[in-house]
Amino acid sequence: MTSLTEAVMEWSDLVNAFRQKILSLPVRASDSIPGITDRSASERILTGMVYEVL
């Protein structure tokens, strides 16, 4: 492999790892939103924010 190909593959791996972490955020953080006691509502809010970021 060329250096460019290796760099692209490494960058792709980093981006995919970041994407997976950020997509798991709504489930992990849904209990942390102050003032919202409905877990499914907080997951929906966070999921919308995550997709906006992505």
N, C-alpha and C. Protein backbone atom coordinates (compact mmCIF):
# COMPACT_ATOMS: atom_id res chain seq x y z
N MET A 1 0.83 -1.18 0.00
CA MET A 1 0.00 0.00 0.00
C MET A 1 0.88 1.25 0.00
N THR A 2 0.35 2.26 -0.59
CA THR A 2 1.06 3.53 -0.58
C THR A 2 0.77 4.27 0.70
N SER A 3 1.57 5.24 0.99
CA SER A 3 1.36 6.05 2.19
C SER A 3 0.01 6.75 2.16
N LEU A 4 -0.37 7.23 0.98
CA LEU A 4 -1.66 7.91 0.86
C LEU A 4 -2.80 6.94 1.15
N THR A 5 -2.75 5.77 0.62
CA THR A 5 -3.79 4.76 0.86
C THR A 5 -3.87 4.42 2.34
N GLU A 6 -2.73 4.25 2.97
CA GLU A 6 -2.71 3.96 4.41
C GLU A 6 -3.29 5.10 5.21
N ALA A 7 -2.94 6.33 4.84
CA ALA A 7 -3.47 7.50 5.56
C ALA A 7 -4.98 7.59 5.41
N VAL A 8 -5.48 7.33 4.22
CA VAL A 8 -6.92 7.38 3.98
C VAL A 8 -7.63 6.30 4.80
N MET A 9 -7.06 5.11 4.83
CA MET A 9 -7.67 4.03 5.61
C MET A 9 -7.66 4.34 7.10
N GLU A 10 -6.57 4.90 7.61
CA GLU A 10 -6.50 5.25 9.03
C GLU A 10 -7.49 6.36 9.35
N TRP A 11 -7.59 7.34 8.49
CA TRP A 11 -8.54 8.44 8.70
C TRP A 11 -9.97 7.90 8.69
N SER A 12 -10.25 7.01 7.77
CA SER A 12 -11.57 6.40 7.69
C SER A 12 -11.89 5.63 8.97
N ASP A 13 -10.93 4.90 9.49
CA ASP A 13 -11.13 4.17 10.75
C ASP A 13 -11.44 5.12 11.90
N LEU A 14 -10.72 6.24 11.96
CA LEU A 14 -10.95 7.24 13.02
C LEU A 14 -12.35 7.85 12.90
N VAL A 15 -12.74 8.19 11.70
CA VAL A 15 -14.06 8.79 11.48
C VAL A 15 -15.16 7.80 11.85
N ASN A 16 -14.99 6.54 11.46
CA ASN A 16 -15.99 5.52 11.79
C ASN A 16 -16.08 5.30 13.30
N ALA A 17 -14.94 5.29 13.99
CA ALA A 17 -14.95 5.12 15.44
C ALA A 17 -15.66 6.30 16.11
N PHE A 18 -15.39 7.51 15.64
CA PHE A 18 -16.06 8.70 16.17
C PHE A 18 -17.56 8.61 15.95
N ARG A 19 -17.94 8.21 14.74
CA ARG A 19 -19.37 8.11 14.39
C ARG A 19 -20.07 7.12 15.32
N GLN A 20 -19.47 5.98 15.56
CA GLN A 20 -20.08 4.99 16.44
C GLN A 20 -20.21 5.51 17.87
N LYS A 21 -19.20 6.20 18.35
CA LYS A 21 -19.27 6.78 19.71
C LYS A 21 -20.37 7.82 19.81
N ILE A 22 -20.44 8.71 18.83
CA ILE A 22 -21.44 9.78 18.89
C ILE A 22 -22.85 9.22 18.73
N LEU A 23 -23.01 8.16 17.93
CA LEU A 23 -24.34 7.55 17.78
C LEU A 23 -24.80 6.84 19.05
N SER A 24 -23.88 6.43 19.89
CA SER A 24 -24.26 5.77 21.14
C SER A 24 -24.59 6.77 22.25
N LEU A 25 -24.31 8.02 22.02
CA LEU A 25 -24.52 9.06 23.03
C LEU A 25 -25.96 9.18 23.52
N PRO A 26 -26.98 9.22 22.66
CA PRO A 26 -28.34 9.41 23.16
C PRO A 26 -28.77 8.39 24.21
N VAL A 27 -28.44 7.13 24.01
CA VAL A 27 -28.84 6.10 24.97
C VAL A 27 -28.08 6.27 26.28
N ARG A 28 -26.78 6.56 26.17
CA ARG A 28 -25.96 6.69 27.38
C ARG A 28 -26.29 7.95 28.17
N ALA A 29 -26.68 9.03 27.50
CA ALA A 29 -26.85 10.31 28.18
C ALA A 29 -28.30 10.71 28.41
N SER A 30 -29.24 9.88 28.01
CA SER A 30 -30.65 10.29 28.07
C SER A 30 -31.14 10.58 29.48
N ASP A 31 -30.54 9.99 30.49
CA ASP A 31 -30.95 10.27 31.87
C ASP A 31 -30.32 11.54 32.42
N SER A 32 -29.45 12.17 31.65
CA SER A 32 -28.69 13.32 32.14
C SER A 32 -29.27 14.68 31.78
N ILE A 33 -30.37 14.72 31.04
CA ILE A 33 -30.94 16.00 30.63
C ILE A 33 -31.81 16.54 31.77
N PRO A 34 -31.41 17.66 32.35
CA PRO A 34 -32.20 18.23 33.46
C PRO A 34 -33.61 18.63 33.00
N GLY A 35 -34.57 18.36 33.82
CA GLY A 35 -35.94 18.79 33.55
C GLY A 35 -36.74 17.84 32.68
N ILE A 36 -36.12 16.80 32.13
CA ILE A 36 -36.86 15.85 31.31
C ILE A 36 -36.82 14.49 32.01
N THR A 37 -37.99 14.02 32.40
CA THR A 37 -38.05 12.75 33.13
C THR A 37 -38.40 11.58 32.22
N ASP A 38 -38.89 11.87 31.03
CA ASP A 38 -39.23 10.82 30.07
C ASP A 38 -37.99 10.44 29.28
N ARG A 39 -37.46 9.25 29.56
CA ARG A 39 -36.21 8.81 28.93
C ARG A 39 -36.33 8.75 27.41
N SER A 40 -37.44 8.29 26.89
CA SER A 40 -37.59 8.19 25.44
C SER A 40 -37.61 9.58 24.80
N ALA A 41 -38.19 10.55 25.48
CA ALA A 41 -38.18 11.92 24.97
C ALA A 41 -36.77 12.48 24.93
N SER A 42 -36.01 12.24 25.98
CA SER A 42 -34.64 12.75 25.99
C SER A 42 -33.79 12.04 24.93
N GLU A 43 -34.02 10.74 24.71
CA GLU A 43 -33.30 10.03 23.65
C GLU A 43 -33.62 10.63 22.29
N ARG A 44 -34.89 10.95 22.05
CA ARG A 44 -35.29 11.56 20.78
C ARG A 44 -34.62 12.91 20.59
N ILE A 45 -34.58 13.72 21.64
CA ILE A 45 -33.93 15.03 21.57
C ILE A 45 -32.45 14.88 21.24
N LEU A 46 -31.79 14.01 21.99
CA LEU A 46 -30.35 13.81 21.77
C LEU A 46 -30.07 13.19 20.40
N THR A 47 -30.90 12.26 19.97
CA THR A 47 -30.70 11.64 18.66
C THR A 47 -30.80 12.69 17.56
N GLY A 48 -31.77 13.57 17.67
CA GLY A 48 -31.89 14.65 16.70
C GLY A 48 -30.66 15.52 16.67
N MET A 49 -30.13 15.84 17.82
CA MET A 49 -28.91 16.65 17.90
C MET A 49 -27.72 15.92 17.29
N VAL A 50 -27.61 14.64 17.58
CA VAL A 50 -26.48 13.85 17.05
C VAL A 50 -26.56 13.81 15.52
N TYR A 51 -27.74 13.55 14.97
CA TYR A 51 -27.86 13.50 13.51
C TYR A 51 -27.59 14.85 12.89
N GLU A 52 -27.95 15.92 13.57
CA GLU A 52 -27.64 17.25 13.07
C GLU A 52 -26.14 17.48 13.00
N VAL A 53 -25.43 17.01 14.00
CA VAL A 53 -23.97 17.13 14.03
C VAL A 53 -23.33 16.31 12.91
N LEU A 54 -23.83 15.08 12.75
CA LEU A 54 -23.25 14.21 11.72
C LEU A 54 -23.60 14.70 10.33
